[in-house]
PDB file of N, CA and C in Angstrom:
ATOM      1  N   MET A   1       1.407  -1.020   0.070  1.00  0.00           N
ATOM      2  CA  MET A   1      -0.002  -0.068   0.317  1.00  0.00           C
ATOM      3  C   MET A   1       0.903   1.439  -0.032  1.00  0.00           C
ATOM      4  N   VAL A   2       0.662   2.321  -0.622  1.00  0.00           N
ATOM      5  CA  VAL A   2       1.659   3.834  -1.241  1.00  0.00           C
ATOM      6  C   VAL A   2       0.679   4.612  -0.406  1.00  0.00           C
ATOM      7  N   VAL A   3       0.643   5.125   0.544  1.00  0.00           N
ATOM      8  CA  VAL A   3       0.186   6.966   1.051  1.00  0.00           C
ATOM      9  C   VAL A   3       0.609   7.834   0.225  1.00  0.00           C
ATOM     10  N   SER A   4      -0.033   8.506  -0.734  1.00  0.00           N
ATOM     11  CA  SER A   4       0.414   9.898  -1.216  1.00  0.00           C
ATOM     12  C   SER A   4      -0.487  11.042  -1.598  1.00  0.00           C
ATOM     13  N   PRO A   5      -0.369  12.046  -1.821  1.00  0.00           N
ATOM     14  CA  PRO A   5      -1.593  13.113  -1.556  1.00  0.00           C
ATOM     15  C   PRO A   5      -2.201  13.038  -2.716  1.00  0.00           C
ATOM     16  N   THR A   6      -3.666  13.083  -3.225  1.00  0.00           N
ATOM     17  CA  THR A   6      -4.738  12.645  -3.589  1.00  0.00           C
ATOM     18  C   THR A   6      -4.240  14.093  -4.454  1.00  0.00           C
ATOM     19  N   GLY A   7      -3.938  13.376  -6.062  1.00  0.00           N
ATOM     20  CA  GLY A   7      -3.684  14.413  -7.289  1.00  0.00           C
ATOM     21  C   GLY A   7      -2.696  14.013  -7.517  1.00  0.00           C
ATOM     22  N   SER A   8      -1.478  13.859  -6.385  1.00  0.00           N
ATOM     23  CA  SER A   8       0.053  13.651  -7.418  1.00  0.00           C
ATOM     24  C   SER A   8       0.466  12.267  -7.808  1.00  0.00           C
ATOM     25  N   ARG A   9       0.874  12.924  -9.254  1.00  0.00           N
ATOM     26  CA  ARG A   9       1.238  12.259  -9.554  1.00  0.00           C
ATOM     27  C   ARG A   9       2.621  11.150  -9.840  1.00  0.00           C
ATOM     28  N   ARG A  10       3.581  11.629  -9.046  1.00  0.00           N
ATOM     29  CA  ARG A  10       4.709  11.229  -8.881  1.00  0.00           C
ATOM     30  C   ARG A  10       4.670  10.654  -7.336  1.00  0.00           C
ATOM     31  N   VAL A  11       4.955   9.344  -7.022  1.00  0.00           N
ATOM     32  CA  VAL A  11       4.883   8.300  -6.244  1.00  0.00           C
ATOM     33  C   VAL A  11       6.503   8.044  -5.904  1.00  0.00           C
ATOM     34  N   SER A  12       7.110   8.363  -4.523  1.00  0.00           N
ATOM     35  CA  SER A  12       8.377   7.814  -4.364  1.00  0.00           C
ATOM     36  C   SER A  12       8.186   6.665  -4.041  1.00  0.00           C
ATOM     37  N   LYS A  13       8.980   5.680  -4.070  1.00  0.00           N
ATOM     38  CA  LYS A  13       9.611   4.916  -3.476  1.00  0.00           C
ATOM     39  C   LYS A  13      10.744   4.023  -3.845  1.00  0.00           C
ATOM     40  N   ILE A  14      11.363   3.839  -2.353  1.00  0.00           N
ATOM     41  CA  ILE A  14      13.022   2.927  -1.642  1.00  0.00           C
ATOM     42  C   ILE A  14      13.040   1.759  -2.521  1.00  0.00           C
ATOM     43  N   VAL A  15      14.175   1.962  -3.880  1.00  0.00           N
ATOM     44  CA  VAL A  15      14.008   0.076  -3.210  1.00  0.00           C
ATOM     45  C   VAL A  15      15.774  -0.874  -3.896  1.00  0.00           C
ATOM     46  N   SER A  16      15.937  -1.469  -2.855  1.00  0.00           N
ATOM     47  CA  SER A  16      17.460  -1.921  -2.589  1.00  0.00           C
ATOM     48  C   SER A  16      17.944  -2.561  -3.441  1.00  0.00           C
ATOM     49  N   ALA A  17      18.823  -2.545  -3.820  1.00  0.00           N
ATOM     50  CA  ALA A  17      19.634  -3.649  -4.828  1.00  0.00           C
ATOM     51  C   ALA A  17      19.944  -4.794  -3.938  1.00  0.00           C
ATOM     52  N   GLU A  18      19.975  -5.055  -3.088  1.00  0.00           N
ATOM     53  CA  GLU A  18      20.788  -6.084  -2.030  1.00  0.00           C
ATOM     54  C   GLU A  18      19.336  -6.406  -1.781  1.00  0.00           C
ATOM     55  N   ARG A  19      18.371  -6.371  -2.198  1.00  0.00           N
ATOM     56  CA  ARG A  19      17.208  -7.122  -1.289  1.00  0.00           C
ATOM     57  C   ARG A  19      16.506  -8.264  -0.569  1.00  0.00           C
ATOM     58  N   GLY A  20      16.743  -8.603   0.415  1.00  0.00           N
ATOM     59  CA  GLY A  20      16.490 -10.067   0.836  1.00  0.00           C
ATOM     60  C   GLY A  20      17.676 -10.451   1.849  1.00  0.00           C
ATOM     61  N   ARG A  21      19.003  -9.340   1.485  1.00  0.00           N
ATOM     62  CA  ARG A  21      20.273  -9.502   2.239  1.00  0.00           C
ATOM     63  C   ARG A  21      20.351  -9.456   3.403  1.00  0.00           C
ATOM     64  N   ASN A  22      20.848 -10.088   4.368  1.00  0.00           N
ATOM     65  CA  ASN A  22      20.945 -10.005   5.771  1.00  0.00           C
ATOM     66  C   ASN A  22      22.414  -8.559   6.408  1.00  0.00           C
ATOM     67  N   VAL A  23      23.140  -8.113   6.973  1.00  0.00           N
ATOM     68  CA  VAL A  23      23.697  -7.692   7.426  1.00  0.00           C
ATOM     69  C   VAL A  23      24.150  -8.922   9.127  1.00  0.00           C
ATOM     70  N   THR A  24      25.838  -9.399   8.740  1.00  0.00           N
ATOM     71  CA  THR A  24      25.673  -9.678   9.713  1.00  0.00           C
ATOM     72  C   THR A  24      26.216  -8.282  11.086  1.00  0.00           C
ATOM     73  N   ILE A  25      26.276  -8.892  12.220  1.00  0.00           N
ATOM     74  CA  ILE A  25      26.412  -8.131  13.733  1.00  0.00           C
ATOM     75  C   ILE A  25      27.086  -8.591  14.497  1.00  0.00           C
ATOM     76  N   ILE A  26      28.933  -8.174  14.436  1.00  0.00           N
ATOM     77  CA  ILE A  26      29.350  -8.583  15.930  1.00  0.00           C
ATOM     78  C   ILE A  26      29.003  -7.923  17.320  1.00  0.00           C
ATOM     79  N   CYS A  27      28.227  -7.971  17.838  1.00  0.00           N
ATOM     80  CA  CYS A  27      28.597  -7.379  19.067  1.00  0.00           C
ATOM     81  C   CYS A  27      29.379  -7.560  20.251  1.00  0.00           C
ATOM     82  N   CYS A  28      29.573  -6.759  21.118  1.00  0.00           N
ATOM     83  CA  CYS A  28      30.557  -7.394  22.229  1.00  0.00           C
ATOM     84  C   CYS A  28      30.151  -6.218  23.485  1.00  0.00           C
ATOM     85  N   ILE A  29      29.279  -6.811  24.432  1.00  0.00           N
ATOM     86  CA  ILE A  29      29.035  -5.958  25.666  1.00  0.00           C
ATOM     87  C   ILE A  29      29.494  -6.813  26.765  1.00  0.00           C
ATOM     88  N   SER A  30      29.931  -5.575  27.765  1.00  0.00           N
ATOM     89  CA  SER A  30      29.827  -6.266  28.538  1.00  0.00           C
ATOM     90  C   SER A  30      28.593  -6.136  29.916  1.00  0.00           C
ATOM     91  N   ALA A  31      29.279  -6.812  31.029  1.00  0.00           N
ATOM     92  CA  ALA A  31      28.601  -6.947  31.877  1.00  0.00           C
ATOM     93  C   ALA A  31      27.896  -5.761  32.579  1.00  0.00           C
ATOM     94  N   THR A  32      29.131  -4.619  33.004  1.00  0.00           N
ATOM     95  CA  THR A  32      28.727  -3.083  33.426  1.00  0.00           C
ATOM     96  C   THR A  32      28.107  -2.445  32.205  1.00  0.00           C
ATOM     97  N   GLY A  33      27.898  -2.966  31.393  1.00  0.00           N
ATOM     98  CA  GLY A  33      27.050  -2.107  30.208  1.00  0.00           C
ATOM     99  C   GLY A  33      28.146  -1.651  29.503  1.00  0.00           C
ATOM    100  N   PHE A  34      29.093  -1.456  29.751  1.00  0.00           N
ATOM    101  CA  PHE A  34      29.868  -1.400  28.125  1.00  0.00           C
ATOM    102  C   PHE A  34      29.923  -2.002  27.066  1.00  0.00           C
ATOM    103  N   TYR A  35      29.720  -1.286  26.112  1.00  0.00           N
ATOM    104  CA  TYR A  35      29.757  -1.832  24.692  1.00  0.00           C
ATOM    105  C   TYR A  35      31.097  -0.991  23.877  1.00  0.00           C
ATOM    106  N   LEU A  36      31.358  -1.874  23.161  1.00  0.00           N
ATOM    107  CA  LEU A  36      32.563  -2.211  21.587  1.00  0.00           C
ATOM    108  C   LEU A  36      31.154  -1.176  21.044  1.00  0.00           C
ATOM    109  N   PRO A  37      32.185  -0.697  19.637  1.00  0.00           N
ATOM    110  CA  PRO A  37      31.010  -0.147  18.531  1.00  0.00           C
ATOM    111  C   PRO A  37      30.546  -1.334  17.753  1.00  0.00           C
ATOM    112  N   ARG A  38      30.366  -1.195  16.809  1.00  0.00           N
ATOM    113  CA  ARG A  38      29.513  -2.104  16.233  1.00  0.00           C
ATOM    114  C   ARG A  38      30.687  -2.893  15.058  1.00  0.00           C
ATOM    115  N   PHE A  39      30.327  -3.595  14.907  1.00  0.00           N
ATOM    116  CA  PHE A  39      31.578  -4.603  13.983  1.00  0.00           C
ATOM    117  C   PHE A  39      30.255  -5.222  12.641  1.00  0.00           C
ATOM    118  N   LEU A  40      29.898  -4.747  11.791  1.00  0.00           N
ATOM    119  CA  LEU A  40      29.180  -5.118  10.892  1.00  0.00           C
ATOM    120  C   LEU A  40      29.680  -5.928   9.761  1.00  0.00           C
ATOM    121  N   ILE A  41      28.930  -6.651   9.112  1.00  0.00           N
ATOM    122  CA  ILE A  41      29.574  -7.150   8.117  1.00  0.00           C
ATOM    123  C   ILE A  41      28.636  -7.578   6.765  1.00  0.00           C
ATOM    124  N   PHE A  42      28.519  -6.878   5.382  1.00  0.00           N
ATOM    125  CA  PHE A  42      27.715  -6.863   4.637  1.00  0.00           C
ATOM    126  C   PHE A  42      28.067  -7.715   3.832  1.00  0.00           C
ATOM    127  N   ALA A  43      27.394  -7.940   2.540  1.00  0.00           N
ATOM    128  CA  ALA A  43      27.646  -9.177   2.140  1.00  0.00           C
ATOM    129  C   ALA A  43      27.570  -8.899   0.319  1.00  0.00           C
ATOM    130  N   SER A  44      29.213  -8.172  -0.023  1.00  0.00           N
ATOM    131  CA  SER A  44      29.361  -7.707  -0.894  1.00  0.00           C
ATOM    132  C   SER A  44      31.039  -7.497  -0.867  1.00  0.00           C
ATOM    133  N   LYS A  45      31.415  -7.343  -2.592  1.00  0.00           N
ATOM    134  CA  LYS A  45      32.960  -7.460  -3.148  1.00  0.00           C
ATOM    135  C   LYS A  45      33.295  -6.684  -2.330  1.00  0.00           C
ATOM    136  N   ARG A  46      32.945  -5.426  -2.061  1.00  0.00           N
ATOM    137  CA  ARG A  46      33.571  -4.649  -1.685  1.00  0.00           C
ATOM    138  C   ARG A  46      33.060  -3.576  -0.646  1.00  0.00           C
ATOM    139  N   MET A  47      33.930  -2.783   0.232  1.00  0.00           N
ATOM    140  CA  MET A  47      33.259  -1.712   1.396  1.00  0.00           C
ATOM    141  C   MET A  47      32.803  -0.631   0.141  1.00  0.00           C
ATOM    142  N   LEU A  48      32.048  -0.333   0.852  1.00  0.00           N
ATOM    143  CA  LEU A  48      31.585   1.432   0.047  1.00  0.00           C
ATOM    144  C   LEU A  48      31.440   2.138   1.408  1.00  0.00           C
ATOM    145  N   PRO A  49      31.998   3.155   1.517  1.00  0.00           N
ATOM    146  CA  PRO A  49      31.367   4.127   2.334  1.00  0.00           C
ATOM    147  C   PRO A  49      30.471   4.439   3.243  1.00  0.00           C
ATOM    148  N   GLU A  50      29.535   4.457   2.310  1.00  0.00           N
ATOM    149  CA  GLU A  50      28.163   4.767   2.278  1.00  0.00           C
ATOM    150  C   GLU A  50      27.482   3.883   2.940  1.00  0.00           C
ATOM    151  N   LEU A  51      28.122   2.387   3.073  1.00  0.00           N
ATOM    152  CA  LEU A  51      27.146   1.641   4.173  1.00  0.00           C
ATOM    153  C   LEU A  51      27.576   1.272   5.798  1.00  0.00           C
ATOM    154  N   VAL A  52      27.982   2.436   6.122  1.00  0.00           N
ATOM    155  CA  VAL A  52      28.351   3.151   7.546  1.00  0.00           C
ATOM    156  C   VAL A  52      28.609   4.338   7.608  1.00  0.00           C
ATOM    157  N   ALA A  53      28.161   5.023   6.824  1.00  0.00           N
ATOM    158  CA  ALA A  53      28.005   7.029   7.164  1.00  0.00           C
ATOM    159  C   ALA A  53      27.361   7.300   7.982  1.00  0.00           C
ATOM    160  N   LYS A  54      26.097   6.442   7.780  1.00  0.00           N
ATOM    161  CA  LYS A  54      25.438   6.473   9.169  1.00  0.00           C
ATOM    162  C   LYS A  54      25.132   5.914  10.459  1.00  0.00           C
ATOM    163  N   ALA A  55      25.889   5.547  10.607  1.00  0.00           N
ATOM    164  CA  ALA A  55      26.077   4.183  11.667  1.00  0.00           C
ATOM    165  C   ALA A  55      26.722   5.489  12.571  1.00  0.00           C
ATOM    166  N   PRO A  56      26.314   4.506  14.092  1.00  0.00           N
ATOM    167  CA  PRO A  56      26.914   5.343  14.647  1.00  0.00           C
ATOM    168  C   PRO A  56      28.718   5.373  15.147  1.00  0.00           C
ATOM    169  N   PRO A  57      28.990   6.666  15.625  1.00  0.00           N
ATOM    170  CA  PRO A  57      30.718   6.889  15.549  1.00  0.00           C
ATOM    171  C   PRO A  57      31.140   5.410  16.304  1.00  0.00           C
ATOM    172  N   GLY A  58      32.335   5.336  15.175  1.00  0.00           N
ATOM    173  CA  GLY A  58      33.398   3.753  15.882  1.00  0.00           C
ATOM    174  C   GLY A  58      32.673   2.521  15.542  1.00  0.00           C
ATOM    175  N   THR A  59      32.164   2.256  13.985  1.00  0.00           N
ATOM    176  CA  THR A  59      31.031   1.549  13.280  1.00  0.00           C
ATOM    177  C   THR A  59      32.484   0.438  12.208  1.00  0.00           C
ATOM    178  N   ILE A  60      32.800  -0.031  12.494  1.00  0.00           N
ATOM    179  CA  ILE A  60      33.493  -0.525  11.500  1.00  0.00           C
ATOM    180  C   ILE A  60      33.127  -1.265  10.352  1.00  0.00           C
ATOM    181  N   GLY A  61      32.901  -1.239   9.027  1.00  0.00           N
ATOM    182  CA  GLY A  61      32.635  -2.420   8.101  1.00  0.00           C
ATOM    183  C   GLY A  61      33.128  -3.000   7.293  1.00  0.00           C
ATOM    184  N   TYR A  62      32.955  -4.455   7.094  1.00  0.00           N
ATOM    185  CA  TYR A  62      33.417  -5.121   7.103  1.00  0.00           C
ATOM    186  C   TYR A  62      32.608  -5.855   5.385  1.00  0.00           C
ATOM    187  N   CYS A  63      33.404  -6.334   5.063  1.00  0.00           N
ATOM    188  CA  CYS A  63      32.173  -6.801   3.431  1.00  0.00           C
ATOM    189  C   CYS A  63      33.103  -8.910   3.480  1.00  0.00           C
ATOM    190  N   SER A  64      32.263  -9.663   2.675  1.00  0.00           N
ATOM    191  CA  SER A  64      32.309 -10.763   2.739  1.00  0.00           C
ATOM    192  C   SER A  64      31.501 -11.332   1.368  1.00  0.00           C
ATOM    193  N   ASP A  65      31.690 -12.386   0.197  1.00  0.00           N
ATOM    194  CA  ASP A  65      30.814 -13.023  -0.197  1.00  0.00           C
ATOM    195  C   ASP A  65      29.006 -13.166   0.221  1.00  0.00           C
ATOM    196  N   SER A  66      29.088 -13.722   1.333  1.00  0.00           N
ATOM    197  CA  SER A  66      28.214 -14.489   1.799  1.00  0.00           C
ATOM    198  C   SER A  66      27.257 -13.252   2.906  1.00  0.00           C
ATOM    199  N   GLY A  67      28.320 -12.490   3.442  1.00  0.00           N
ATOM    200  CA  GLY A  67      27.896 -11.533   4.574  1.00  0.00           C
ATOM    201  C   GLY A  67      27.772 -12.498   5.971  1.00  0.00           C
ATOM    202  N   TRP A  68      28.007 -13.955   5.979  1.00  0.00           N
ATOM    203  CA  TRP A  68      28.426 -13.798   7.602  1.00  0.00           C
ATOM    204  C   TRP A  68      30.192 -13.988   7.338  1.00  0.00           C
ATOM    205  N   SER A  69      30.600 -13.829   8.535  1.00  0.00           N
ATOM    206  CA  SER A  69      32.179 -13.911   9.475  1.00  0.00           C
ATOM    207  C   SER A  69      32.797 -15.035   8.783  1.00  0.00           C
ATOM    208  N   ASN A  70      34.026 -14.486   8.565  1.00  0.00           N
ATOM    209  CA  ASN A  70      35.099 -16.263   7.967  1.00  0.00           C
ATOM    210  C   ASN A  70      36.533 -15.515   8.635  1.00  0.00           C
ATOM    211  N   GLU A  71      37.767 -16.514   8.778  1.00  0.00           N
ATOM    212  CA  GLU A  71      38.823 -16.304   9.868  1.00  0.00           C
ATOM    213  C   GLU A  71      39.066 -14.759   9.507  1.00  0.00           C
ATOM    214  N   ASP A  72      39.448 -14.423   8.685  1.00  0.00           N
ATOM    215  CA  ASP A  72      40.411 -13.206   8.299  1.00  0.00           C
ATOM    216  C   ASP A  72      39.600 -12.028   9.271  1.00  0.00           C
ATOM    217  N   ILE A  73      37.733 -12.288   9.099  1.00  0.00           N
ATOM    218  CA  ILE A  73      37.061 -10.917   9.256  1.00  0.00           C
ATOM    219  C   ILE A  73      36.968 -11.167  11.029  1.00  0.00           C
ATOM    220  N   PHE A  74      36.740 -12.540  11.668  1.00  0.00           N
ATOM    221  CA  PHE A  74      36.968 -12.736  13.032  1.00  0.00           C
ATOM    222  C   PHE A  74      38.701 -12.699  13.507  1.00  0.00           C
ATOM    223  N   PHE A  75      39.613 -12.151  13.502  1.00  0.00           N
ATOM    224  CA  PHE A  75      40.732 -11.924  13.242  1.00  0.00           C
ATOM    225  C   PHE A  75      40.372 -10.710  13.321  1.00  0.00           C
ATOM    226  N   SER A  76      40.200  -9.934  12.253  1.00  0.00           N
ATOM    227  CA  SER A  76      39.985  -8.163  12.628  1.00  0.00           C
ATOM    228  C   SER A  76      38.897  -7.961  13.527  1.00  0.00           C
ATOM    229  N   PHE A  77      38.304  -8.853  14.005  1.00  0.00           N
ATOM    230  CA  PHE A  77      37.348  -8.631  15.259  1.00  0.00           C
ATOM    231  C   PHE A  77      37.691  -8.415  16.073  1.00  0.00           C
ATOM    232  N   LEU A  78      39.041  -9.431  16.377  1.00  0.00           N
ATOM    233  CA  LEU A  78      39.728  -9.319  17.415  1.00  0.00           C
ATOM    234  C   LEU A  78      41.157  -8.233  17.986  1.00  0.00           C
ATOM    235  N   ASN A  79      40.739  -8.148  16.726  1.00  0.00           N
ATOM    236  CA  ASN A  79      42.009  -6.367  16.401  1.00  0.00           C
ATOM    237  C   ASN A  79      40.901  -5.473  16.912  1.00  0.00           C
ATOM    238  N   HIS A  80      39.559  -4.895  16.873  1.00  0.00           N
ATOM    239  CA  HIS A  80      38.550  -3.916  16.929  1.00  0.00           C
ATOM    240  C   HIS A  80      38.491  -4.523  18.637  1.00  0.00           C
ATOM    241  N   PHE A  81      38.462  -5.768  18.993  1.00  0.00           N
ATOM    242  CA  PHE A  81      38.364  -6.040  21.090  1.00  0.00           C
ATOM    243  C   PHE A  81      39.363  -5.321  21.528  1.00  0.00           C
ATOM    244  N   TYR A  82      40.169  -5.753  20.896  1.00  0.00           N
ATOM    245  CA  TYR A  82      41.631  -5.065  21.676  1.00  0.00           C
ATOM    246  C   TYR A  82      41.838  -3.518  21.371  1.00  0.00           C
ATOM    247  N   LEU A  83      41.465  -3.209  20.443  1.00  0.00           N
ATOM    248  CA  LEU A  83      41.615  -1.666  20.092  1.00  0.00           C
ATOM    249  C   LEU A  83      40.687  -1.250  21.417  1.00  0.00           C
ATOM    250  N   HIS A  84      39.752  -1.717  21.725  1.00  0.00           N
ATOM    251  CA  HIS A  84      38.443  -0.718  22.235  1.00  0.00           C
ATOM    252  C   HIS A  84      38.308  -1.098  23.487  1.00  0.00           C
ATOM    253  N   GLY A  85      38.195  -2.299  23.623  1.00  0.00           N
ATOM    254  CA  GLY A  85      38.651  -2.782  24.776  1.00  0.00           C
ATOM    255  C   GLY A  85      39.581  -2.346  26.099  1.00  0.00           C
ATOM    256  N   GLU A  86      40.528  -2.470  25.231  1.00  0.00           N
ATOM    257  CA  GLU A  86      41.620  -1.908  26.115  1.00  0.00           C
ATOM    258  C   GLU A  86      42.135  -3.086  27.459  1.00  0.00           C
ATOM    259  N   PRO A  87      41.913  -4.593  26.661  1.00  0.00           N
ATOM    260  CA  PRO A  87      42.276  -5.183  28.141  1.00  0.00           C
ATOM    261  C   PRO A  87      44.255  -4.893  28.652  1.00  0.00           C
ATOM    262  N   SER A  88      44.148  -5.156  29.173  1.00  0.00           N
ATOM    263  CA  SER A  88      45.637  -5.363  29.889  1.00  0.00           C
ATOM    264  C   SER A  88      45.683  -6.345  31.244  1.00  0.00           C
ATOM    265  N   LYS A  89      47.065  -6.424  31.623  1.00  0.00           N
ATOM    266  CA  LYS A  89      47.273  -7.213  33.058  1.00  0.00           C
ATOM    267  C   LYS A  89      46.438  -6.621  34.482  1.00  0.00           C
ATOM    268  N   GLU A  90      46.236  -5.050  34.403  1.00  0.00           N
ATOM    269  CA  GLU A  90      45.729  -4.592  35.116  1.00  0.00           C
ATOM    270  C   GLU A  90      44.712  -4.542  35.023  1.00  0.00           C
ATOM    271  N   SER A  91      43.796  -4.659  34.367  1.00  0.00           N
ATOM    272  CA  SER A  91      42.521  -4.445  33.643  1.00  0.00           C
ATOM    273  C   SER A  91      42.225  -5.676  32.937  1.00  0.00           C
ATOM    274  N   PRO A  92      41.965  -6.723  32.861  1.00  0.00           N
ATOM    275  CA  PRO A  92      41.644  -7.850  31.779  1.00  0.00           C
ATOM    276  C   PRO A  92      40.462  -7.882  31.239  1.00  0.00           C
ATOM    277  N   ALA A  93      40.237  -8.665  30.523  1.00  0.00           N
ATOM    278  CA  ALA A  93      39.112  -9.362  29.995  1.00  0.00           C
ATOM    279  C   ALA A  93      38.731  -9.782  29.417  1.00  0.00           C
ATOM    280  N   LEU A  94      37.640 -10.819  29.064  1.00  0.00           N
ATOM    281  CA  LEU A  94      36.792 -12.620  29.115  1.00  0.00           C
ATOM    282  C   LEU A  94      36.675 -12.148  27.783  1.00  0.00           C
ATOM    283  N   LEU A  95      36.441 -12.613  26.655  1.00  0.00           N
ATOM    284  CA  LEU A  95      36.160 -12.258  25.587  1.00  0.00           C
ATOM    285  C   LEU A  95      35.333 -14.010  25.728  1.00  0.00           C
ATOM    286  N   ILE A  96      33.995 -14.271  25.641  1.00  0.00           N
ATOM    287  CA  ILE A  96      33.537 -15.599  25.210  1.00  0.00           C
ATOM    288  C   ILE A  96      32.470 -15.838  24.219  1.00  0.00           C
ATOM    289  N   ILE A  97      32.853 -17.008  23.356  1.00  0.00           N
ATOM    290  CA  ILE A  97      32.744 -16.918  22.574  1.00  0.00           C
ATOM    291  C   ILE A  97      32.300 -18.393  22.220  1.00  0.00           C
ATOM    292  N   ASP A  98      31.735 -18.464  20.668  1.00  0.00           N
ATOM    293  CA  ASP A  98      30.773 -19.942  20.785  1.00  0.00           C
ATOM    294  C   ASP A  98      32.320 -21.090  19.779  1.00  0.00           C
ATOM    295  N   ASN A  99      31.814 -22.302  19.633  1.00  0.00           N
ATOM    296  CA  ASN A  99      32.844 -23.103  18.687  1.00  0.00           C
ATOM    297  C   ASN A  99      32.652 -22.867  16.715  1.00  0.00           C
ATOM    298  N   HIS A 100      32.491 -21.899  16.813  1.00  0.00           N
ATOM    299  CA  HIS A 100      31.791 -21.813  15.171  1.00  0.00           C
ATOM    300  C   HIS A 100      33.246 -22.086  14.917  1.00  0.00           C
ATOM    301  N   LYS A 101      33.354 -22.507  13.174  1.00  0.00           N
ATOM    302  CA  LYS A 101      34.524 -22.744  12.954  1.00  0.00           C
ATOM    303  C   LYS A 101      35.313 -21.515  12.695  1.00  0.00           C
ATOM    304  N   THR A 102      34.820 -20.843  12.233  1.00  0.00           N
ATOM    305  CA  THR A 102      35.800 -19.328  11.936  1.00  0.00           C
ATOM    306  C   THR A 102      36.502 -18.500  13.102  1.00  0.00           C
ATOM    307  N   HIS A 103      35.946 -18.624  14.104  1.00  0.00           N
ATOM    308  CA  HIS A 103      36.399 -18.546  15.341  1.00  0.00           C
ATOM    309  C   HIS A 103      37.258 -19.538  16.129  1.00  0.00           C
ATOM    310  N   ILE A 104      37.785 -20.531  15.549  1.00  0.00           N
ATOM    311  CA  ILE A 104      38.629 -21.443  15.770  1.00  0.00           C
ATOM    312  C   ILE A 104      39.976 -21.951  14.416  1.00  0.00           C
ATOM    313  N   THR A 105      40.990 -20.893  14.526  1.00  0.00           N
ATOM    314  CA  THR A 105      41.998 -20.701  13.313  1.00  0.00           C
ATOM    315  C   THR A 105      43.346 -21.152  14.003  1.00  0.00           C
TER     316      THR A 105
END
């Protein structure tokens, strides 16, 4: 259903070229409520700046053929975790993950 003013000859509609494709989000939240910036994975061949242009600050985007994580992208997430989580000897961090094949490399 489209709603437009009576007598209007131009009815706009937004169509996505990637209709039906999902975006994978790797989230990391602590028990105290601290969270890392979003880590998004798009189903695309190359990363376009427009994909994260209006995302919250610090959001990082990566692309894979399937839109899912792979070993290289997970390694990039670990770097993202290290940079933003800032674990150290004085302030250690525990990252709990499942045994998905991309997390075991």
